[in-house]
Protein backbone atom coordinates (compact mmCIF):
# COMPACT_ATOMS: atom_id res chain seq x y z
CA MET A 1 19.48 -99.51 -99.73
CA TYR A 2 21.20 -102.41 -101.52
CA ASP A 3 23.81 -104.90 -100.41
CA GLU A 4 26.99 -105.95 -102.23
CA ARG A 5 24.99 -108.40 -104.37
CA ASN A 6 22.44 -105.74 -105.38
CA ARG A 7 19.77 -107.22 -103.13
CA LYS A 8 17.39 -104.64 -101.73
CA ARG A 9 17.57 -104.00 -98.01
CA SER A 10 14.59 -103.27 -95.80
CA ASP A 11 16.46 -100.29 -94.31
CA PHE A 12 19.65 -98.31 -94.78
CA GLY A 13 22.86 -100.28 -94.52
CA LEU A 14 24.32 -97.46 -92.40
CA SER A 15 21.15 -96.68 -90.47
CA GLU A 16 22.82 -97.09 -87.07
CA VAL A 17 25.82 -95.00 -88.05
CA PHE A 18 23.74 -92.05 -89.29
CA GLY A 19 20.86 -92.49 -86.87
CA ILE A 20 18.24 -92.75 -89.62
CA ARG A 21 15.44 -95.13 -90.51
CA LYS A 22 13.47 -95.38 -93.75
CA SER A 23 9.78 -94.66 -93.30
CA GLU A 24 8.44 -94.86 -96.89
CA GLU A 25 9.48 -95.76 -100.42
CA VAL A 26 11.13 -93.25 -102.75
CA ILE A 27 9.05 -90.16 -103.55
CA GLY A 28 9.61 -88.26 -106.79
CA THR A 29 8.43 -84.89 -108.01
CA ASN A 30 4.94 -84.32 -109.34
CA GLY A 31 5.78 -80.92 -110.77
CA ASN A 32 7.68 -79.04 -108.08
CA ALA A 33 10.39 -80.60 -105.93
CA TYR A 34 10.04 -80.63 -102.18
CA CYS A 35 11.29 -77.71 -100.12
CA ALA A 36 13.12 -77.72 -96.79
CA ARG A 37 11.79 -75.71 -93.87
CA ILE A 38 14.36 -74.14 -91.52
CA GLU A 39 13.58 -75.20 -87.95
CA ARG A 40 16.51 -73.60 -86.13
CA PRO A 41 19.77 -71.77 -86.91
CA HIS A 42 22.93 -73.77 -87.56
CA ASP A 43 26.29 -73.35 -89.29
CA VAL A 44 25.10 -75.43 -92.26
CA LEU A 45 22.47 -72.74 -92.88
CA ARG A 46 24.85 -69.80 -93.19
CA GLY A 47 23.56 -67.51 -95.91
CA PHE A 48 19.90 -68.44 -95.37
CA GLU A 49 19.20 -66.04 -92.52
CA ASN A 50 16.48 -64.10 -94.34
CA THR A 51 14.24 -67.00 -95.31
CA ASP A 52 12.25 -69.81 -93.70
CA TRP A 53 12.36 -72.25 -96.63
CA ILE A 54 15.10 -73.36 -99.02
CA ALA A 55 15.08 -75.58 -102.08
CA GLY A 56 14.96 -79.34 -101.81
CA ALA A 57 15.53 -82.12 -104.34
CA GLU A 58 13.54 -83.98 -106.98
CA TYR A 59 13.69 -87.41 -105.32
CA ARG A 60 13.94 -88.42 -101.68
CA VAL A 61 13.75 -91.44 -99.41
CA PRO A 62 11.44 -90.44 -96.54
CA ILE A 63 12.99 -91.09 -93.15
CA ALA A 64 11.48 -91.28 -89.68
CA ALA A 65 11.37 -88.23 -87.44
CA VAL A 66 14.44 -87.35 -85.36
CA ASP A 67 14.95 -85.14 -82.32
CA GLY A 68 15.72 -81.48 -82.99
CA PRO A 69 15.90 -81.47 -86.81
CA ILE A 70 17.62 -78.60 -88.60
CA LEU A 71 15.49 -78.90 -91.75
CA THR A 72 12.14 -80.59 -92.30
CA VAL A 73 10.43 -81.59 -95.53
CA VAL A 74 7.74 -79.47 -97.14
CA PRO A 75 6.18 -81.82 -99.74
CA GLY A 76 6.33 -80.90 -103.42
CA SER A 77 3.30 -79.64 -105.25
CA VAL A 78 1.96 -79.81 -108.79
CA ALA A 79 3.23 -77.21 -111.25
CA TYR A 80 -0.10 -76.58 -112.97
CA PRO A 81 -2.69 -75.19 -112.67
CA PRO A 82 -1.28 -72.23 -110.70
CA GLU A 83 -4.24 -72.28 -108.31
CA LEU A 84 -3.05 -75.65 -106.99
CA SER A 85 0.68 -74.92 -107.11
CA TYR A 86 1.29 -74.68 -103.38
CA PRO A 87 2.50 -77.22 -100.84
CA SER A 88 0.04 -78.99 -98.62
CA PRO A 89 0.79 -79.47 -95.81
CA SER A 90 3.29 -76.66 -95.35
CA HIS A 91 4.93 -78.22 -92.28
CA THR A 92 5.88 -81.81 -91.44
CA ASN A 93 8.22 -83.59 -89.02
CA GLY A 94 9.99 -85.46 -91.82
CA PRO A 95 13.72 -84.61 -91.66
CA ALA A 96 15.26 -82.99 -94.73
CA LEU A 97 18.70 -83.25 -93.14
CA VAL A 98 20.07 -85.34 -90.25
CA MET A 99 23.22 -84.46 -88.35
CA ARG A 100 25.19 -86.37 -85.73
CA GLN A 101 28.24 -85.33 -83.77
CA LYS A 102 30.15 -87.43 -81.25
CA GLY A 103 33.56 -86.19 -80.22
CA ARG A 104 35.42 -85.28 -83.39
CA SER A 105 33.12 -87.41 -85.53
CA ARG A 106 30.61 -85.46 -87.65
CA LEU A 107 28.00 -86.96 -89.97
CA ILE A 108 25.34 -85.51 -92.25
CA TYR A 109 22.70 -87.36 -94.23
CA ILE A 110 20.39 -85.62 -96.72
CA PRO A 111 17.56 -87.95 -97.79
CA GLY A 112 17.30 -86.40 -101.25
CA ASP A 113 19.37 -86.30 -104.44
CA VAL A 114 20.45 -82.70 -103.90
CA GLU A 115 23.69 -83.09 -105.90
CA ARG A 116 21.80 -84.42 -108.95
CA THR A 117 19.13 -81.73 -108.62
CA LEU A 118 21.85 -79.08 -108.34
CA TRP A 119 23.56 -80.29 -111.50
CA ARG A 120 20.27 -80.33 -113.42
CA SER A 121 18.96 -77.01 -112.15
CA GLY A 122 22.02 -74.97 -111.18
CA HIS A 123 20.10 -73.84 -108.07
CA GLY A 124 22.32 -71.66 -105.89
CA ASP A 125 20.60 -72.68 -102.63
CA LEU A 126 21.60 -76.31 -103.13
CA SER A 127 25.17 -75.34 -103.96
CA LEU A 128 25.43 -73.22 -100.80
CA LEU A 129 23.88 -75.96 -98.64
CA LEU A 130 26.33 -78.59 -99.91
CA ARG A 131 29.32 -76.29 -99.39
CA ASN A 132 28.16 -75.49 -95.86
CA CYS A 133 27.73 -79.19 -95.09
CA VAL A 134 31.25 -80.00 -96.30
CA ARG A 135 32.69 -77.18 -94.18
CA TRP A 136 30.84 -78.35 -91.07
CA VAL A 137 31.85 -82.00 -91.48
CA ALA A 138 35.46 -80.92 -92.02
CA GLY A 139 35.37 -78.75 -88.90
CA ASP A 140 35.88 -75.71 -91.15
CA GLU A 141 39.41 -76.96 -91.81
CA GLN A 142 40.08 -76.18 -95.45
CA PRO A 143 43.59 -76.63 -96.83
CA VAL A 144 42.68 -74.32 -99.74
CA ARG A 145 40.41 -71.28 -99.76
CA ILE A 146 39.68 -69.36 -102.95
CA ASP A 147 37.77 -66.07 -103.18
CA GLY A 148 36.84 -64.52 -106.49
CA PRO A 149 34.17 -64.19 -109.17
CA GLY A 150 32.89 -66.97 -111.41
CA LEU A 151 32.26 -70.70 -111.15
CA ILE A 152 35.46 -72.69 -110.73
CA GLU A 153 36.72 -76.10 -109.71
CA ALA A 154 40.04 -76.39 -107.91
CA PHE A 155 42.51 -79.15 -107.04
CA ALA A 156 45.58 -78.91 -104.84
CA TRP A 157 48.47 -81.36 -104.78
CA GLU A 158 51.68 -81.80 -102.85
CA THR A 159 54.54 -82.74 -105.17
CA ASP A 160 58.26 -83.35 -104.81
CA PRO A 161 59.16 -79.77 -105.88
CA GLY A 162 56.42 -78.27 -103.71
CA PHE A 163 52.70 -77.74 -104.32
CA ALA A 164 50.37 -77.27 -107.30
CA VAL A 165 46.95 -75.61 -107.40
CA HIS A 166 44.80 -76.24 -110.49
CA VAL A 167 41.94 -73.83 -111.20
CA LEU A 168 39.38 -74.68 -113.91
CA ASN A 169 36.99 -72.00 -115.18
CA TYR A 170 33.47 -73.39 -115.65
CA THR A 171 31.84 -69.98 -116.06
CA ASN A 172 29.65 -70.17 -119.19
CA PRO A 173 25.96 -69.98 -120.18
CA ALA A 174 25.55 -73.78 -120.05
CA ALA A 175 27.59 -74.43 -116.93
CA HIS A 176 25.54 -77.42 -115.78
CA LYS A 177 24.83 -78.98 -119.18
CA GLY A 178 28.11 -80.79 -119.73
CA TRP A 179 29.57 -78.74 -122.54
CA ILE A 180 31.26 -75.34 -122.80
CA ARG A 181 30.67 -73.09 -125.81
CA SER A 182 33.24 -70.45 -124.89
CA PHE A 183 35.42 -69.32 -121.99
CA PRO A 184 34.44 -65.94 -120.55
CA PRO A 185 37.58 -64.95 -118.61
CA ILE A 186 37.13 -64.42 -114.89
CA GLY A 187 38.90 -61.92 -112.72
CA SER A 188 41.35 -62.27 -109.88
CA GLN A 189 41.20 -65.31 -107.60
CA THR A 190 42.71 -64.86 -104.14
CA VAL A 191 44.05 -68.15 -102.79
CA ALA A 192 45.15 -69.15 -99.29
CA LEU A 193 46.93 -72.52 -99.08
CA LYS A 194 47.95 -74.24 -95.86
CA VAL A 195 51.17 -76.20 -96.12
CA PRO A 196 52.76 -78.68 -93.69
CA ASP A 197 55.11 -77.25 -91.09
CA ARG A 198 57.98 -79.29 -92.50
CA ARG A 199 57.94 -77.40 -95.83
CA ARG A 200 58.66 -73.76 -96.66
CA VAL A 201 57.41 -72.24 -99.93
CA VAL A 202 59.98 -69.93 -101.51
CA ARG A 203 58.67 -69.15 -105.00
CA GLY A 204 55.49 -69.17 -107.10
CA GLU A 205 54.82 -69.45 -110.83
CA LEU A 206 51.78 -69.45 -113.13
CA LEU A 207 52.41 -72.33 -115.54
CA ARG A 208 49.58 -71.59 -117.99
CA SER A 209 50.51 -67.89 -118.22
CA GLU A 210 54.22 -68.64 -117.93
CA THR A 211 54.79 -65.78 -115.50
CA ALA A 212 56.20 -65.40 -112.00
CA LEU A 213 53.66 -65.19 -109.20
CA PRO A 214 54.18 -62.98 -106.14
CA ILE A 215 53.41 -64.85 -102.92
CA GLN A 216 53.12 -64.02 -99.23
CA VAL A 217 54.00 -66.52 -96.53
CA SER A 218 52.73 -66.25 -92.96
CA ASP A 219 53.25 -69.15 -90.57
CA ASN A 220 52.13 -72.19 -92.60
CA THR A 221 49.79 -70.31 -94.99
CA VAL A 222 50.74 -69.14 -98.47
CA THR A 223 48.54 -66.47 -100.06
CA PHE A 224 48.60 -65.24 -103.64
CA THR A 225 46.30 -63.82 -106.32
CA ILE A 226 45.77 -65.30 -109.77
CA PRO A 227 45.08 -62.18 -111.88
CA ARG A 228 43.00 -63.85 -114.60
CA VAL A 229 41.75 -67.29 -115.62
CA VAL A 230 40.55 -68.07 -119.15
CA ASP A 231 40.05 -71.86 -119.38
CA TYR A 232 42.43 -73.00 -116.64
CA GLU A 233 45.48 -72.01 -114.68
CA ILE A 234 48.05 -73.96 -112.70
CA VAL A 235 49.97 -72.43 -109.82
CA ALA A 236 53.30 -74.05 -109.01
CA LEU A 237 54.70 -73.35 -105.56
CA TYR A 238 58.30 -74.39 -105.06
CA ALA A 239 59.22 -75.43 -101.53
CA MET A 240 62.26 -76.40 -99.53
């Protein structure tokens, strides 16, 4: 909504790219954040099959109606008194998510600060929605997949000796508050890493634990299991 000199625009700078148009000024919460109503099934809504509404965000820029929306906005409501704590109206044509696909190009725009609201609230619906959106935009092509308990962050790198996978354990009572009081260890993390055809992984090692790591190689995918993560672990994969 601003140009390179911080001058306010009348509409989105990428409105034509995303197919969106601003319809109102920013709307904040007056107690309860807006919700998003599911209008039709889609891959970005995996995991929400047994509900009609999911969580929204605290702030949003209302955008004009689009054809065939996946999610529409249900306006927020006051928090108190309880007798008035319900949305009205319960159905609008304001998009809560806009998607475009042309050839291999995929775009998603969410007109709300869902990432900020997620970090402040820790709401699982927002986390799942963002993960689903990333998967859809990427065509479900993930170079690294990790399955296991806990809340983690992961990074993967290609290096001269091979590959490195960093796993950080964020599991703690104040996970979204910016500090960690202690490190409850988490159990096994099963990792599948795709590597380029030109490289062949021959050995694995856990650098934090200073132990050898058994690996399995099939085609261009390396799979292994990290038995335990306290604060962090680094997997080194040596390749030829």
